[in-house]
């Protein structure tokens, strides 16, 4: 890893879907003290990792930033932001970081991706100005991050195996309404009619 072993942290927002977390922790090959769980619902702390609580109205981009800011304040140079319902191949996050470090990209994704953009698993280089924009609450923030990266030093898609078990299952009700509003904000911000 050329000196980046202790620079890579993980951020995972979660409410109460914790069944996939132990395997994520194991396969990440990241020390537990470099894993940040942003808890969006009251509950017992998840043992041996950093637990942060955010019980305000839902905003996944704020949750991401809360974890990213904590990791950066504790020495992280790269942060892998993951959904709580993924499976990752051992070494996959490190492979993404190595590709980012060698080419200078500020954002990295696994490839192949199970959707048009890998909002469920991405790696951010923290010496860049790219950050989640909290004007978005549920969707389009990951599209926005990619746009930001394209305006900076770019992104890479790296062959590795990361699976997403439950895509879009929670995008109903208030989340669906927030998604429509997020789309309007995204198109206005980038003066576009395309998600890409």
C-alpha atoms as a PDB file:
ATOM      1  CA  UNK A   1       0.000   0.000   0.000  1.00  0.00           C
ATOM      2  CA  UNK A   2       3.039   2.305  -0.070  1.00  0.00           C
ATOM      3  CA  UNK A   3       2.400   3.849   3.312  1.00  0.00           C
ATOM      4  CA  UNK A   4      -1.387   4.223   3.050  1.00  0.00           C
ATOM      5  CA  UNK A   5      -2.327   1.335   5.366  1.00  0.00           C
ATOM      6  CA  UNK A   6      -3.221   3.685   8.220  1.00  0.00           C
ATOM      7  CA  UNK A   7      -4.617   6.432   5.986  1.00  0.00           C
ATOM      8  CA  UNK A   8      -7.749   4.573   4.825  1.00  0.00           C
ATOM      9  CA  UNK A   9     -10.861   4.732   6.987  1.00  0.00           C
ATOM     10  CA  UNK A  10     -14.436   3.533   6.481  1.00  0.00           C
ATOM     11  CA  UNK A  11     -17.699   5.431   7.060  1.00  0.00           C
ATOM     12  CA  UNK A  12     -21.019   3.558   7.163  1.00  0.00           C
ATOM     13  CA  UNK A  13     -24.338   5.204   8.056  1.00  0.00           C
ATOM     14  CA  UNK A  14     -26.857   2.739   9.518  1.00  0.00           C
ATOM     15  CA  UNK A  15     -30.182   2.643  11.334  1.00  0.00           C
ATOM     16  CA  UNK A  16     -30.823  -0.961  12.407  1.00  0.00           C
ATOM     17  CA  UNK A  17     -29.632  -3.095   9.483  1.00  0.00           C
ATOM     18  CA  UNK A  18     -26.495  -4.454  11.090  1.00  0.00           C
ATOM     19  CA  UNK A  19     -26.379  -8.046   9.856  1.00  0.00           C
ATOM     20  CA  UNK A  20     -23.842  -7.316   7.109  1.00  0.00           C
ATOM     21  CA  UNK A  21     -21.490  -5.211   9.228  1.00  0.00           C
ATOM     22  CA  UNK A  22     -19.330  -8.001  10.728  1.00  0.00           C
ATOM     23  CA  UNK A  23     -18.396  -9.324   7.280  1.00  0.00           C
ATOM     24  CA  UNK A  24     -17.763  -5.785   6.011  1.00  0.00           C
ATOM     25  CA  UNK A  25     -15.435  -5.199   8.960  1.00  0.00           C
ATOM     26  CA  UNK A  26     -13.625  -8.501   8.411  1.00  0.00           C
ATOM     27  CA  UNK A  27     -13.208  -8.182   4.664  1.00  0.00           C
ATOM     28  CA  UNK A  28     -12.234  -4.526   4.739  1.00  0.00           C
ATOM     29  CA  UNK A  29      -8.866  -5.381   6.317  1.00  0.00           C
ATOM     30  CA  UNK A  30      -9.179  -2.015   8.086  1.00  0.00           C
ATOM     31  CA  UNK A  31      -8.424  -1.768  11.824  1.00  0.00           C
ATOM     32  CA  UNK A  32     -11.648  -1.446  13.794  1.00  0.00           C
ATOM     33  CA  UNK A  33     -10.533   1.875  15.277  1.00  0.00           C
ATOM     34  CA  UNK A  34     -10.538   3.277  11.711  1.00  0.00           C
ATOM     35  CA  UNK A  35     -14.188   2.383  11.114  1.00  0.00           C
ATOM     36  CA  UNK A  36     -16.869   5.024  11.755  1.00  0.00           C
ATOM     37  CA  UNK A  37     -20.504   4.008  12.079  1.00  0.00           C
ATOM     38  CA  UNK A  38     -22.941   6.917  11.839  1.00  0.00           C
ATOM     39  CA  UNK A  39     -25.973   5.769  13.806  1.00  0.00           C
ATOM     40  CA  UNK A  40     -29.273   7.200  12.571  1.00  0.00           C
ATOM     41  CA  UNK A  41     -31.444   5.420  15.135  1.00  0.00           C
ATOM     42  CA  UNK A  42     -31.024   4.917  18.878  1.00  0.00           C
ATOM     43  CA  UNK A  43     -29.474   1.634  19.910  1.00  0.00           C
ATOM     44  CA  UNK A  44     -26.570   0.000  21.676  1.00  0.00           C
ATOM     45  CA  UNK A  45     -23.136   1.004  20.381  1.00  0.00           C
ATOM     46  CA  UNK A  46     -21.561  -1.376  17.888  1.00  0.00           C
ATOM     47  CA  UNK A  47     -18.565  -2.808  19.675  1.00  0.00           C
ATOM     48  CA  UNK A  48     -14.941  -1.870  18.945  1.00  0.00           C
ATOM     49  CA  UNK A  49     -15.658   0.775  16.264  1.00  0.00           C
ATOM     50  CA  UNK A  50     -16.375   4.508  16.415  1.00  0.00           C
ATOM     51  CA  UNK A  51     -20.093   5.203  16.896  1.00  0.00           C
ATOM     52  CA  UNK A  52     -21.466   8.654  16.057  1.00  0.00           C
ATOM     53  CA  UNK A  53     -25.164   9.438  16.453  1.00  0.00           C
ATOM     54  CA  UNK A  54     -27.200  11.684  14.164  1.00  0.00           C
ATOM     55  CA  UNK A  55     -30.883  11.514  15.047  1.00  0.00           C
ATOM     56  CA  UNK A  56     -32.031  14.655  13.216  1.00  0.00           C
ATOM     57  CA  UNK A  57     -34.216  14.536  10.107  1.00  0.00           C
ATOM     58  CA  UNK A  58     -32.758  12.195   7.509  1.00  0.00           C
ATOM     59  CA  UNK A  59     -29.989  13.487   5.268  1.00  0.00           C
ATOM     60  CA  UNK A  60     -27.541  10.843   4.086  1.00  0.00           C
ATOM     61  CA  UNK A  61     -25.121  13.495   2.855  1.00  0.00           C
ATOM     62  CA  UNK A  62     -24.934  14.994   6.344  1.00  0.00           C
ATOM     63  CA  UNK A  63     -24.367  11.485   7.711  1.00  0.00           C
ATOM     64  CA  UNK A  64     -21.543  10.966   5.226  1.00  0.00           C
ATOM     65  CA  UNK A  65     -19.948  14.299   6.168  1.00  0.00           C
ATOM     66  CA  UNK A  66     -20.224  13.565   9.884  1.00  0.00           C
ATOM     67  CA  UNK A  67     -18.235  10.367   9.415  1.00  0.00           C
ATOM     68  CA  UNK A  68     -15.791  11.872   6.920  1.00  0.00           C
ATOM     69  CA  UNK A  69     -15.062  14.823   9.211  1.00  0.00           C
ATOM     70  CA  UNK A  70     -14.438  12.517  12.166  1.00  0.00           C
ATOM     71  CA  UNK A  71     -12.100  10.306  10.142  1.00  0.00           C
ATOM     72  CA  UNK A  72     -10.202  13.271   8.723  1.00  0.00           C
ATOM     73  CA  UNK A  73      -9.791  14.798  12.187  1.00  0.00           C
ATOM     74  CA  UNK A  74      -8.204  11.518  13.292  1.00  0.00           C
ATOM     75  CA  UNK A  75      -5.692  11.256  10.470  1.00  0.00           C
ATOM     76  CA  UNK A  76      -7.538   9.720   7.519  1.00  0.00           C
ATOM     77  CA  UNK A  77      -6.273  10.576   4.044  1.00  0.00           C
ATOM     78  CA  UNK A  78      -8.822   8.400   2.224  1.00  0.00           C
ATOM     79  CA  UNK A  79     -12.342   7.435   3.307  1.00  0.00           C
ATOM     80  CA  UNK A  80     -14.383   4.561   1.895  1.00  0.00           C
ATOM     81  CA  UNK A  81     -18.080   5.408   2.216  1.00  0.00           C
ATOM     82  CA  UNK A  82     -20.221   2.268   2.203  1.00  0.00           C
ATOM     83  CA  UNK A  83     -23.866   1.363   2.546  1.00  0.00           C
ATOM     84  CA  UNK A  84     -24.694  -0.966   5.423  1.00  0.00           C
ATOM     85  CA  UNK A  85     -25.917  -3.661   2.994  1.00  0.00           C
ATOM     86  CA  UNK A  86     -22.844  -4.404   0.919  1.00  0.00           C
ATOM     87  CA  UNK A  87     -20.396  -7.280   0.626  1.00  0.00           C
ATOM     88  CA  UNK A  88     -16.809  -6.398  -0.189  1.00  0.00           C
ATOM     89  CA  UNK A  89     -14.058  -8.626  -1.463  1.00  0.00           C
ATOM     90  CA  UNK A  90     -10.950  -8.643   0.729  1.00  0.00           C
ATOM     91  CA  UNK A  91      -8.470  -6.069  -0.497  1.00  0.00           C
ATOM     92  CA  UNK A  92     -10.966  -4.306  -2.771  1.00  0.00           C
ATOM     93  CA  UNK A  93     -10.876  -0.980  -0.932  1.00  0.00           C
ATOM     94  CA  UNK A  94      -7.098  -1.019  -0.846  1.00  0.00           C
ATOM     95  CA  UNK A  95      -7.008  -1.717  -4.591  1.00  0.00           C
ATOM     96  CA  UNK A  96      -9.204   1.316  -5.235  1.00  0.00           C
ATOM     97  CA  UNK A  97      -6.953   3.504  -3.065  1.00  0.00           C
ATOM     98  CA  UNK A  98      -3.814   2.260  -4.824  1.00  0.00           C
ATOM     99  CA  UNK A  99      -5.305   3.196  -8.197  1.00  0.00           C
ATOM    100  CA  UNK A 100      -6.348   6.596  -6.909  1.00  0.00           C
ATOM    101  CA  UNK A 101      -2.931   7.252  -5.380  1.00  0.00           C
ATOM    102  CA  UNK A 102      -1.040   6.266  -8.519  1.00  0.00           C
ATOM    103  CA  UNK A 103      -3.163   8.353 -10.874  1.00  0.00           C
ATOM    104  CA  UNK A 104      -4.096  11.287  -8.662  1.00  0.00           C
ATOM    105  CA  UNK A 105      -7.870  10.758  -8.849  1.00  0.00           C
ATOM    106  CA  UNK A 106      -9.919  12.223  -6.002  1.00  0.00           C
ATOM    107  CA  UNK A 107     -12.734   9.661  -6.198  1.00  0.00           C
ATOM    108  CA  UNK A 108     -12.765   5.912  -6.758  1.00  0.00           C
ATOM    109  CA  UNK A 109     -15.494   3.385  -7.520  1.00  0.00           C
ATOM    110  CA  UNK A 110     -15.647  -0.404  -7.826  1.00  0.00           C
ATOM    111  CA  UNK A 111     -16.266  -1.862 -11.258  1.00  0.00           C
ATOM    112  CA  UNK A 112     -18.548  -3.408 -12.325  1.00  0.00           C
ATOM    113  CA  UNK A 113     -21.265  -1.381 -10.638  1.00  0.00           C
ATOM    114  CA  UNK A 114     -24.776  -2.702 -10.110  1.00  0.00           C
ATOM    115  CA  UNK A 115     -26.361   0.684 -10.929  1.00  0.00           C
ATOM    116  CA  UNK A 116     -25.590   3.711 -13.071  1.00  0.00           C
ATOM    117  CA  UNK A 117     -23.486   5.193 -10.271  1.00  0.00           C
ATOM    118  CA  UNK A 118     -21.978   3.403  -7.282  1.00  0.00           C
ATOM    119  CA  UNK A 119     -23.494   5.458  -4.507  1.00  0.00           C
ATOM    120  CA  UNK A 120     -23.310   2.386  -2.262  1.00  0.00           C
ATOM    121  CA  UNK A 121     -19.486   2.189  -2.307  1.00  0.00           C
ATOM    122  CA  UNK A 122     -16.991   4.927  -3.115  1.00  0.00           C
ATOM    123  CA  UNK A 123     -13.643   6.179  -1.879  1.00  0.00           C
ATOM    124  CA  UNK A 124     -12.805   9.865  -1.409  1.00  0.00           C
ATOM    125  CA  UNK A 125      -9.360  11.404  -1.273  1.00  0.00           C
ATOM    126  CA  UNK A 126      -9.462  13.938   1.542  1.00  0.00           C
ATOM    127  CA  UNK A 127      -6.822  16.361   0.276  1.00  0.00           C
ATOM    128  CA  UNK A 128      -9.344  17.431  -2.356  1.00  0.00           C
ATOM    129  CA  UNK A 129     -12.191  19.945  -1.880  1.00  0.00           C
ATOM    130  CA  UNK A 130     -14.760  17.344  -2.997  1.00  0.00           C
ATOM    131  CA  UNK A 131     -17.344  16.693  -0.284  1.00  0.00           C
ATOM    132  CA  UNK A 132     -20.996  15.630  -0.074  1.00  0.00           C
ATOM    133  CA  UNK A 133     -23.325  18.594  -0.570  1.00  0.00           C
ATOM    134  CA  UNK A 134     -25.911  18.648   2.201  1.00  0.00           C
ATOM    135  CA  UNK A 135     -28.499  20.487   0.135  1.00  0.00           C
ATOM    136  CA  UNK A 136     -29.274  16.984  -1.149  1.00  0.00           C
ATOM    137  CA  UNK A 137     -31.039  14.745   1.361  1.00  0.00           C
ATOM    138  CA  UNK A 138     -31.367  11.290  -0.158  1.00  0.00           C
ATOM    139  CA  UNK A 139     -30.396  10.956  -3.841  1.00  0.00           C
ATOM    140  CA  UNK A 140     -28.293  12.852  -6.405  1.00  0.00           C
ATOM    141  CA  UNK A 141     -25.564  13.671  -3.900  1.00  0.00           C
ATOM    142  CA  UNK A 142     -23.470  10.811  -5.265  1.00  0.00           C
ATOM    143  CA  UNK A 143     -24.006  12.134  -8.802  1.00  0.00           C
ATOM    144  CA  UNK A 144     -22.983  15.534  -7.470  1.00  0.00           C
ATOM    145  CA  UNK A 145     -19.804  14.124  -5.910  1.00  0.00           C
ATOM    146  CA  UNK A 146     -18.832  12.619  -9.257  1.00  0.00           C
ATOM    147  CA  UNK A 147     -19.465  15.962 -10.970  1.00  0.00           C
ATOM    148  CA  UNK A 148     -17.272  17.660  -8.355  1.00  0.00           C
ATOM    149  CA  UNK A 149     -14.532  15.079  -8.938  1.00  0.00           C
ATOM    150  CA  UNK A 150     -14.706  15.593 -12.707  1.00  0.00           C
ATOM    151  CA  UNK A 151     -14.184  19.319 -12.122  1.00  0.00           C
ATOM    152  CA  UNK A 152     -11.143  18.561  -9.926  1.00  0.00           C
ATOM    153  CA  UNK A 153      -8.709  15.711 -10.678  1.00  0.00           C
ATOM    154  CA  UNK A 154     -11.199  13.115 -11.833  1.00  0.00           C
ATOM    155  CA  UNK A 155     -12.313   9.676 -10.714  1.00  0.00           C
ATOM    156  CA  UNK A 156     -11.354   6.078 -11.421  1.00  0.00           C
ATOM    157  CA  UNK A 157     -13.411   2.900 -11.726  1.00  0.00           C
ATOM    158  CA  UNK A 158     -11.409  -0.058 -10.486  1.00  0.00           C
ATOM    159  CA  UNK A 159     -12.154  -3.742 -11.157  1.00  0.00           C
ATOM    160  CA  UNK A 160     -13.037  -5.337  -7.813  1.00  0.00           C
ATOM    161  CA  UNK A 161     -15.950  -7.216  -6.294  1.00  0.00           C
ATOM    162  CA  UNK A 162     -18.385  -5.206  -4.167  1.00  0.00           C
ATOM    163  CA  UNK A 163     -22.021  -6.325  -4.081  1.00  0.00           C
ATOM    164  CA  UNK A 164     -25.071  -4.283  -3.074  1.00  0.00           C
ATOM    165  CA  UNK A 165     -27.790  -6.458  -1.555  1.00  0.00           C
ATOM    166  CA  UNK A 166     -30.825  -4.162  -1.277  1.00  0.00           C
ATOM    167  CA  UNK A 167     -30.683  -1.283  -3.782  1.00  0.00           C
ATOM    168  CA  UNK A 168     -33.397   1.378  -3.462  1.00  0.00           C
ATOM    169  CA  UNK A 169     -35.610  -0.608  -1.081  1.00  0.00           C
ATOM    170  CA  UNK A 170     -35.949   2.375   1.270  1.00  0.00           C
ATOM    171  CA  UNK A 171     -36.695   4.969  -1.421  1.00  0.00           C
ATOM    172  CA  UNK A 172     -40.402   5.211  -0.631  1.00  0.00           C
ATOM    173  CA  UNK A 173     -42.659   7.712   1.130  1.00  0.00           C
ATOM    174  CA  UNK A 174     -40.727  10.701   2.476  1.00  0.00           C
ATOM    175  CA  UNK A 175     -37.532   9.370   0.921  1.00  0.00           C
ATOM    176  CA  UNK A 176     -39.177   9.328  -2.517  1.00  0.00           C
ATOM    177  CA  UNK A 177     -40.402  12.900  -2.068  1.00  0.00           C
ATOM    178  CA  UNK A 178     -36.915  13.984  -1.003  1.00  0.00           C
ATOM    179  CA  UNK A 179     -35.495  12.269  -4.078  1.00  0.00           C
ATOM    180  CA  UNK A 180     -37.720  14.335  -6.378  1.00  0.00           C
ATOM    181  CA  UNK A 181     -36.618  17.536  -4.619  1.00  0.00           C
ATOM    182  CA  UNK A 182     -32.983  16.442  -4.792  1.00  0.00           C
ATOM    183  CA  UNK A 183     -33.315  15.983  -8.547  1.00  0.00           C
ATOM    184  CA  UNK A 184     -34.579  19.525  -8.966  1.00  0.00           C
ATOM    185  CA  UNK A 185     -31.684  20.861  -6.896  1.00  0.00           C
ATOM    186  CA  UNK A 186     -29.152  18.801  -8.857  1.00  0.00           C
ATOM    187  CA  UNK A 187     -30.384  19.916 -12.271  1.00  0.00           C
ATOM    188  CA  UNK A 188     -30.384  23.530 -11.106  1.00  0.00           C
ATOM    189  CA  UNK A 189     -26.921  23.343  -9.525  1.00  0.00           C
ATOM    190  CA  UNK A 190     -25.274  21.905 -12.627  1.00  0.00           C
ATOM    191  CA  UNK A 191     -27.559  23.622 -15.156  1.00  0.00           C
ATOM    192  CA  UNK A 192     -28.325  20.290 -16.787  1.00  0.00           C
ATOM    193  CA  UNK A 193     -31.212  18.019 -17.658  1.00  0.00           C
ATOM    194  CA  UNK A 194     -29.029  14.902 -17.344  1.00  0.00           C
ATOM    195  CA  UNK A 195     -28.012  13.013 -14.198  1.00  0.00           C
ATOM    196  CA  UNK A 196     -24.535  12.696 -15.719  1.00  0.00           C
END
